[in-house]
């Protein structure tokens, strides 16, 4: 069994050859490398183009990169025998995948699996964590925040660091409640902050288009729901 203790040892000893050892010890187990957002340059919460290029280059050199369907088919028939298999997955389907990650994947001739939210791709729908982030980015102060257990003096004057901390706290809370209650909370928060949220997400938060999704599907990118 692969334990956290073994993993920690590998991390500490990695520069001395333990990464190669870990690949050998786990060569029969397919691995998932999951991404979310990409940027042209360094940005918190994003993988920038240069870093992604280095990572894909490393994966191609050291692993066999497959798609999800290839791994699942082999596992379902108990005939999966590809050593050092890795699947690159990306969540949600933001446009930065098409603009930044996709050209890197094409450069190295490797596949990936992109999981998309179909209504998001229609173009006029926000993912709710992004709506919260947009409101926080366009607010200077918060007079009150209805989050259980979040004891803090008000008003809260927002800096980039404080915005990030509040966003993480609020998202964690909203994930713990029901869909209807979550939507009501978000609406109330937006009304309190008096921020006008555009009907369609701006570039930072927009999804790929259906035409782009079709192009990806024709070029070795598996589209998942």
C-alpha atoms as a PDB file:
ATOM      1  CA  UNK A   1       0.000   0.000   0.000  1.00  0.00           C
ATOM      2  CA  UNK A   2       1.256   3.484  -0.899  1.00  0.00           C
ATOM      3  CA  UNK A   3       1.096   5.512   2.334  1.00  0.00           C
ATOM      4  CA  UNK A   4       1.470   9.262   3.059  1.00  0.00           C
ATOM      5  CA  UNK A   5       4.675   8.443   4.951  1.00  0.00           C
ATOM      6  CA  UNK A   6       6.185   6.875   1.830  1.00  0.00           C
ATOM      7  CA  UNK A   7       5.049   9.877  -0.200  1.00  0.00           C
ATOM      8  CA  UNK A   8       6.714  12.280   2.252  1.00  0.00           C
ATOM      9  CA  UNK A   9       9.944  10.332   2.115  1.00  0.00           C
ATOM     10  CA  UNK A  10       9.881  10.472  -1.692  1.00  0.00           C
ATOM     11  CA  UNK A  11       9.393  14.270  -1.611  1.00  0.00           C
ATOM     12  CA  UNK A  12      12.342  14.733   0.732  1.00  0.00           C
ATOM     13  CA  UNK A  13      14.597  12.386  -1.217  1.00  0.00           C
ATOM     14  CA  UNK A  14      13.398  13.381  -4.696  1.00  0.00           C
ATOM     15  CA  UNK A  15      16.511  15.290  -5.776  1.00  0.00           C
ATOM     16  CA  UNK A  16      18.590  12.220  -4.907  1.00  0.00           C
ATOM     17  CA  UNK A  17      16.789   9.827  -7.254  1.00  0.00           C
ATOM     18  CA  UNK A  18      13.670   9.033  -5.271  1.00  0.00           C
ATOM     19  CA  UNK A  19      11.344  10.429  -7.950  1.00  0.00           C
ATOM     20  CA  UNK A  20      12.578   7.747 -10.323  1.00  0.00           C
ATOM     21  CA  UNK A  21      12.162   5.194  -7.548  1.00  0.00           C
ATOM     22  CA  UNK A  22       8.585   6.326  -6.904  1.00  0.00           C
ATOM     23  CA  UNK A  23       7.728   5.979 -10.600  1.00  0.00           C
ATOM     24  CA  UNK A  24       9.088   2.447 -10.558  1.00  0.00           C
ATOM     25  CA  UNK A  25       7.226   1.497  -7.355  1.00  0.00           C
ATOM     26  CA  UNK A  26       3.895   2.844  -8.663  1.00  0.00           C
ATOM     27  CA  UNK A  27       4.411   2.070 -12.376  1.00  0.00           C
ATOM     28  CA  UNK A  28       1.358  -0.221 -12.558  1.00  0.00           C
ATOM     29  CA  UNK A  29      -1.050   2.387 -11.139  1.00  0.00           C
ATOM     30  CA  UNK A  30      -2.445   5.029 -13.536  1.00  0.00           C
ATOM     31  CA  UNK A  31      -2.125   8.565 -12.197  1.00  0.00           C
ATOM     32  CA  UNK A  32      -4.247  11.681 -12.663  1.00  0.00           C
ATOM     33  CA  UNK A  33      -2.695  15.130 -13.006  1.00  0.00           C
ATOM     34  CA  UNK A  34      -5.494  17.680 -12.569  1.00  0.00           C
ATOM     35  CA  UNK A  35      -5.414  21.311 -13.726  1.00  0.00           C
ATOM     36  CA  UNK A  36      -7.944  24.120 -13.564  1.00  0.00           C
ATOM     37  CA  UNK A  37      -6.813  27.586 -14.711  1.00  0.00           C
ATOM     38  CA  UNK A  38      -3.986  28.841 -16.943  1.00  0.00           C
ATOM     39  CA  UNK A  39      -2.377  32.249 -17.433  1.00  0.00           C
ATOM     40  CA  UNK A  40       0.176  33.837 -19.750  1.00  0.00           C
ATOM     41  CA  UNK A  41       2.327  34.960 -16.826  1.00  0.00           C
ATOM     42  CA  UNK A  42       2.523  34.109 -13.124  1.00  0.00           C
ATOM     43  CA  UNK A  43      -0.791  34.625 -11.340  1.00  0.00           C
ATOM     44  CA  UNK A  44      -2.000  33.193  -8.049  1.00  0.00           C
ATOM     45  CA  UNK A  45      -4.299  30.201  -8.556  1.00  0.00           C
ATOM     46  CA  UNK A  46      -3.237  29.759 -12.195  1.00  0.00           C
ATOM     47  CA  UNK A  47      -0.550  27.706 -13.960  1.00  0.00           C
ATOM     48  CA  UNK A  48       1.367  30.000 -16.282  1.00  0.00           C
ATOM     49  CA  UNK A  49       2.364  28.998 -19.788  1.00  0.00           C
ATOM     50  CA  UNK A  50       6.085  28.492 -19.136  1.00  0.00           C
ATOM     51  CA  UNK A  51       5.447  26.291 -16.092  1.00  0.00           C
ATOM     52  CA  UNK A  52       2.851  24.212 -17.949  1.00  0.00           C
ATOM     53  CA  UNK A  53       5.268  23.759 -20.849  1.00  0.00           C
ATOM     54  CA  UNK A  54       7.933  22.432 -18.457  1.00  0.00           C
ATOM     55  CA  UNK A  55       5.442  20.121 -16.754  1.00  0.00           C
ATOM     56  CA  UNK A  56       4.088  18.625 -19.979  1.00  0.00           C
ATOM     57  CA  UNK A  57       7.635  18.151 -21.262  1.00  0.00           C
ATOM     58  CA  UNK A  58       8.522  16.325 -18.023  1.00  0.00           C
ATOM     59  CA  UNK A  59       5.403  14.145 -18.151  1.00  0.00           C
ATOM     60  CA  UNK A  60       6.012  13.163 -21.750  1.00  0.00           C
ATOM     61  CA  UNK A  61       9.611  12.233 -20.999  1.00  0.00           C
ATOM     62  CA  UNK A  62       8.827  10.158 -17.898  1.00  0.00           C
ATOM     63  CA  UNK A  63       5.297   8.787 -18.363  1.00  0.00           C
ATOM     64  CA  UNK A  64       2.891   7.373 -20.926  1.00  0.00           C
ATOM     65  CA  UNK A  65       0.195  10.024 -21.337  1.00  0.00           C
ATOM     66  CA  UNK A  66      -3.264   8.592 -22.032  1.00  0.00           C
ATOM     67  CA  UNK A  67      -6.844   9.842 -22.104  1.00  0.00           C
ATOM     68  CA  UNK A  68      -9.412   8.950 -19.466  1.00  0.00           C
ATOM     69  CA  UNK A  69     -11.351   6.695 -21.828  1.00  0.00           C
ATOM     70  CA  UNK A  70      -8.240   4.667 -22.624  1.00  0.00           C
ATOM     71  CA  UNK A  71      -7.486   4.070 -18.949  1.00  0.00           C
ATOM     72  CA  UNK A  72     -11.090   3.321 -18.003  1.00  0.00           C
ATOM     73  CA  UNK A  73     -11.576   0.856 -20.860  1.00  0.00           C
ATOM     74  CA  UNK A  74      -8.473  -1.059 -19.855  1.00  0.00           C
ATOM     75  CA  UNK A  75      -9.402  -1.109 -16.166  1.00  0.00           C
ATOM     76  CA  UNK A  76     -12.971  -2.198 -16.925  1.00  0.00           C
ATOM     77  CA  UNK A  77     -11.724  -5.244 -18.811  1.00  0.00           C
ATOM     78  CA  UNK A  78      -8.939  -5.873 -16.266  1.00  0.00           C
ATOM     79  CA  UNK A  79      -6.478  -5.727 -19.144  1.00  0.00           C
ATOM     80  CA  UNK A  80      -4.787  -2.431 -18.376  1.00  0.00           C
ATOM     81  CA  UNK A  81      -1.052  -2.990 -18.633  1.00  0.00           C
ATOM     82  CA  UNK A  82       0.476   0.360 -19.594  1.00  0.00           C
ATOM     83  CA  UNK A  83       3.304   1.169 -17.186  1.00  0.00           C
ATOM     84  CA  UNK A  84       3.706   4.710 -15.804  1.00  0.00           C
ATOM     85  CA  UNK A  85       0.371   5.849 -17.239  1.00  0.00           C
ATOM     86  CA  UNK A  86      -0.741   9.439 -16.614  1.00  0.00           C
ATOM     87  CA  UNK A  87      -3.953  11.222 -17.554  1.00  0.00           C
ATOM     88  CA  UNK A  88      -3.922  15.026 -17.799  1.00  0.00           C
ATOM     89  CA  UNK A  89      -7.329  16.427 -16.835  1.00  0.00           C
ATOM     90  CA  UNK A  90      -8.622  20.003 -16.763  1.00  0.00           C
ATOM     91  CA  UNK A  91     -11.811  21.143 -15.053  1.00  0.00           C
ATOM     92  CA  UNK A  92     -14.641  23.461 -16.150  1.00  0.00           C
ATOM     93  CA  UNK A  93     -13.597  24.523 -19.663  1.00  0.00           C
ATOM     94  CA  UNK A  94     -12.343  28.078 -19.247  1.00  0.00           C
ATOM     95  CA  UNK A  95     -11.148  29.847 -22.387  1.00  0.00           C
ATOM     96  CA  UNK A  96      -7.596  29.964 -21.015  1.00  0.00           C
ATOM     97  CA  UNK A  97      -7.363  26.214 -21.666  1.00  0.00           C
ATOM     98  CA  UNK A  98      -7.866  26.811 -25.383  1.00  0.00           C
ATOM     99  CA  UNK A  99      -5.603  29.875 -25.492  1.00  0.00           C
ATOM    100  CA  UNK A 100      -2.701  28.681 -23.313  1.00  0.00           C
ATOM    101  CA  UNK A 101      -2.784  24.974 -22.438  1.00  0.00           C
ATOM    102  CA  UNK A 102      -4.012  23.569 -25.754  1.00  0.00           C
ATOM    103  CA  UNK A 103      -1.107  24.991 -27.845  1.00  0.00           C
ATOM    104  CA  UNK A 104       1.372  23.467 -25.359  1.00  0.00           C
ATOM    105  CA  UNK A 105      -0.335  20.074 -25.559  1.00  0.00           C
ATOM    106  CA  UNK A 106      -0.263  20.270 -29.372  1.00  0.00           C
ATOM    107  CA  UNK A 107       3.426  21.232 -29.299  1.00  0.00           C
ATOM    108  CA  UNK A 108       4.288  17.997 -27.489  1.00  0.00           C
ATOM    109  CA  UNK A 109       1.677  15.863 -29.254  1.00  0.00           C
ATOM    110  CA  UNK A 110      -0.016  14.728 -26.037  1.00  0.00           C
ATOM    111  CA  UNK A 111      -3.667  14.290 -25.135  1.00  0.00           C
ATOM    112  CA  UNK A 112      -5.741  15.583 -22.248  1.00  0.00           C
ATOM    113  CA  UNK A 113      -9.284  15.248 -20.948  1.00  0.00           C
ATOM    114  CA  UNK A 114     -11.255  18.492 -20.542  1.00  0.00           C
ATOM    115  CA  UNK A 115     -14.292  18.317 -18.260  1.00  0.00           C
ATOM    116  CA  UNK A 116     -16.776  21.051 -19.151  1.00  0.00           C
ATOM    117  CA  UNK A 117     -19.899  22.542 -17.641  1.00  0.00           C
ATOM    118  CA  UNK A 118     -22.204  22.614 -20.676  1.00  0.00           C
ATOM    119  CA  UNK A 119     -24.304  25.632 -19.666  1.00  0.00           C
ATOM    120  CA  UNK A 120     -21.082  27.518 -18.996  1.00  0.00           C
ATOM    121  CA  UNK A 121     -20.033  27.038 -22.631  1.00  0.00           C
ATOM    122  CA  UNK A 122     -23.286  28.643 -23.796  1.00  0.00           C
ATOM    123  CA  UNK A 123     -21.530  31.920 -22.924  1.00  0.00           C
ATOM    124  CA  UNK A 124     -24.087  33.729 -20.780  1.00  0.00           C
ATOM    125  CA  UNK A 125     -23.668  31.765 -17.542  1.00  0.00           C
ATOM    126  CA  UNK A 126     -21.355  32.408 -14.597  1.00  0.00           C
ATOM    127  CA  UNK A 127     -19.880  29.688 -12.424  1.00  0.00           C
ATOM    128  CA  UNK A 128     -20.973  30.805  -8.960  1.00  0.00           C
ATOM    129  CA  UNK A 129     -17.475  30.925  -7.355  1.00  0.00           C
ATOM    130  CA  UNK A 130     -16.477  33.333 -10.140  1.00  0.00           C
ATOM    131  CA  UNK A 131     -19.453  35.593  -9.444  1.00  0.00           C
ATOM    132  CA  UNK A 132     -18.326  35.828  -5.822  1.00  0.00           C
ATOM    133  CA  UNK A 133     -14.756  36.578  -6.854  1.00  0.00           C
ATOM    134  CA  UNK A 134     -15.934  39.277  -9.274  1.00  0.00           C
ATOM    135  CA  UNK A 135     -18.010  40.951  -6.560  1.00  0.00           C
ATOM    136  CA  UNK A 136     -15.104  40.888  -4.100  1.00  0.00           C
ATOM    137  CA  UNK A 137     -12.716  42.275  -6.726  1.00  0.00           C
ATOM    138  CA  UNK A 138     -15.108  45.170  -7.311  1.00  0.00           C
ATOM    139  CA  UNK A 139     -15.728  45.936  -3.630  1.00  0.00           C
ATOM    140  CA  UNK A 140     -13.630  48.015  -1.245  1.00  0.00           C
ATOM    141  CA  UNK A 141     -15.348  47.183   2.025  1.00  0.00           C
ATOM    142  CA  UNK A 142     -17.712  44.596   3.524  1.00  0.00           C
ATOM    143  CA  UNK A 143     -20.078  45.734   6.274  1.00  0.00           C
ATOM    144  CA  UNK A 144     -21.326  42.254   7.225  1.00  0.00           C
ATOM    145  CA  UNK A 145     -20.884  38.643   6.147  1.00  0.00           C
ATOM    146  CA  UNK A 146     -23.411  35.971   7.050  1.00  0.00           C
ATOM    147  CA  UNK A 147     -21.063  32.990   7.455  1.00  0.00           C
ATOM    148  CA  UNK A 148     -21.382  30.843  10.615  1.00  0.00           C
ATOM    149  CA  UNK A 149     -18.220  30.746  12.697  1.00  0.00           C
ATOM    150  CA  UNK A 150     -16.590  33.631  10.824  1.00  0.00           C
ATOM    151  CA  UNK A 151     -15.980  36.017  13.715  1.00  0.00           C
ATOM    152  CA  UNK A 152     -14.299  39.216  12.606  1.00  0.00           C
ATOM    153  CA  UNK A 153     -14.614  42.916  13.287  1.00  0.00           C
ATOM    154  CA  UNK A 154     -16.555  44.923  10.735  1.00  0.00           C
ATOM    155  CA  UNK A 155     -16.231  46.754   8.468  1.00  0.00           C
ATOM    156  CA  UNK A 156     -13.688  44.642   6.522  1.00  0.00           C
ATOM    157  CA  UNK A 157     -11.451  46.754   4.297  1.00  0.00           C
ATOM    158  CA  UNK A 158     -10.444  44.635   1.343  1.00  0.00           C
ATOM    159  CA  UNK A 159      -6.917  43.992   0.128  1.00  0.00           C
ATOM    160  CA  UNK A 160      -5.986  41.282  -2.373  1.00  0.00           C
ATOM    161  CA  UNK A 161      -4.980  38.969   0.473  1.00  0.00           C
ATOM    162  CA  UNK A 162      -8.161  39.629   2.443  1.00  0.00           C
ATOM    163  CA  UNK A 163     -10.296  39.107  -0.672  1.00  0.00           C
ATOM    164  CA  UNK A 164      -8.653  35.715  -1.222  1.00  0.00           C
ATOM    165  CA  UNK A 165      -9.185  34.670   2.396  1.00  0.00           C
ATOM    166  CA  UNK A 166     -12.835  35.701   2.392  1.00  0.00           C
ATOM    167  CA  UNK A 167     -13.484  34.018  -0.960  1.00  0.00           C
ATOM    168  CA  UNK A 168     -12.055  30.725   0.312  1.00  0.00           C
ATOM    169  CA  UNK A 169     -14.081  30.944   3.529  1.00  0.00           C
ATOM    170  CA  UNK A 170     -17.342  31.764   1.733  1.00  0.00           C
ATOM    171  CA  UNK A 171     -16.891  29.086  -0.953  1.00  0.00           C
ATOM    172  CA  UNK A 172     -16.220  26.479   1.729  1.00  0.00           C
ATOM    173  CA  UNK A 173     -19.422  27.496   3.530  1.00  0.00           C
ATOM    174  CA  UNK A 174     -21.570  27.570   0.386  1.00  0.00           C
ATOM    175  CA  UNK A 175     -20.401  24.093  -0.588  1.00  0.00           C
ATOM    176  CA  UNK A 176     -21.831  22.839   2.702  1.00  0.00           C
ATOM    177  CA  UNK A 177     -25.406  24.063   2.139  1.00  0.00           C
ATOM    178  CA  UNK A 178     -28.173  23.262  -0.336  1.00  0.00           C
ATOM    179  CA  UNK A 179     -28.443  24.686  -3.842  1.00  0.00           C
ATOM    180  CA  UNK A 180     -31.453  26.936  -3.159  1.00  0.00           C
ATOM    181  CA  UNK A 181     -29.962  28.328   0.046  1.00  0.00           C
ATOM    182  CA  UNK A 182     -26.640  28.903  -1.722  1.00  0.00           C
ATOM    183  CA  UNK A 183     -28.254  30.873  -4.557  1.00  0.00           C
ATOM    184  CA  UNK A 184     -30.209  33.018  -2.100  1.00  0.00           C
ATOM    185  CA  UNK A 185     -27.023  33.726  -0.122  1.00  0.00           C
ATOM    186  CA  UNK A 186     -25.164  34.811  -3.250  1.00  0.00           C
ATOM    187  CA  UNK A 187     -28.003  37.066  -4.391  1.00  0.00           C
ATOM    188  CA  UNK A 188     -28.211  38.693  -0.958  1.00  0.00           C
ATOM    189  CA  UNK A 189     -24.445  39.236  -0.861  1.00  0.00           C
ATOM    190  CA  UNK A 190     -24.405  40.836  -4.327  1.00  0.00           C
ATOM    191  CA  UNK A 191     -27.297  43.125  -3.358  1.00  0.00           C
ATOM    192  CA  UNK A 192     -25.523  44.208  -0.150  1.00  0.00           C
ATOM    193  CA  UNK A 193     -22.313  44.998  -2.011  1.00  0.00           C
ATOM    194  CA  UNK A 194     -24.228  46.934  -4.682  1.00  0.00           C
ATOM    195  CA  UNK A 195     -22.033  45.490  -7.447  1.00  0.00           C
ATOM    196  CA  UNK A 196     -23.488  45.124 -10.923  1.00  0.00           C
ATOM    197  CA  UNK A 197     -22.528  41.718 -12.282  1.00  0.00           C
ATOM    198  CA  UNK A 198     -22.497  41.571 -16.122  1.00  0.00           C
ATOM    199  CA  UNK A 199     -24.878  39.108 -17.726  1.00  0.00           C
ATOM    200  CA  UNK A 200     -21.999  37.409 -19.541  1.00  0.00           C
ATOM    201  CA  UNK A 201     -18.703  36.645 -17.793  1.00  0.00           C
ATOM    202  CA  UNK A 202     -15.796  38.929 -18.802  1.00  0.00           C
ATOM    203  CA  UNK A 203     -12.703  37.430 -20.426  1.00  0.00           C
ATOM    204  CA  UNK A 204     -11.061  36.260 -17.190  1.00  0.00           C
ATOM    205  CA  UNK A 205     -14.100  34.112 -16.363  1.00  0.00           C
ATOM    206  CA  UNK A 206     -15.408  33.108 -19.796  1.00  0.00           C
ATOM    207  CA  UNK A 207     -15.596  29.571 -21.162  1.00  0.00           C
ATOM    208  CA  UNK A 208     -14.466  28.098 -24.443  1.00  0.00           C
ATOM    209  CA  UNK A 209     -17.039  28.262 -27.237  1.00  0.00           C
ATOM    210  CA  UNK A 210     -18.825  25.270 -28.735  1.00  0.00           C
ATOM    211  CA  UNK A 211     -16.788  25.765 -31.926  1.00  0.00           C
ATOM    212  CA  UNK A 212     -13.587  25.585 -29.885  1.00  0.00           C
ATOM    213  CA  UNK A 213     -14.861  22.519 -28.029  1.00  0.00           C
ATOM    214  CA  UNK A 214     -15.496  20.829 -31.375  1.00  0.00           C
ATOM    215  CA  UNK A 215     -11.996  21.730 -32.583  1.00  0.00           C
ATOM    216  CA  UNK A 216     -10.495  20.307 -29.382  1.00  0.00           C
ATOM    217  CA  UNK A 217     -12.459  17.080 -29.744  1.00  0.00           C
ATOM    218  CA  UNK A 218     -11.088  16.657 -33.261  1.00  0.00           C
ATOM    219  CA  UNK A 219      -7.521  17.172 -32.082  1.00  0.00           C
ATOM    220  CA  UNK A 220      -6.839  14.581 -29.403  1.00  0.00           C
ATOM    221  CA  UNK A 221      -8.605  16.392 -26.542  1.00  0.00           C
ATOM    222  CA  UNK A 222     -11.247  14.216 -24.895  1.00  0.00           C
ATOM    223  CA  UNK A 223     -14.317  16.199 -23.767  1.00  0.00           C
ATOM    224  CA  UNK A 224     -15.980  15.002 -20.578  1.00  0.00           C
ATOM    225  CA  UNK A 225     -19.078  16.227 -18.770  1.00  0.00           C
END
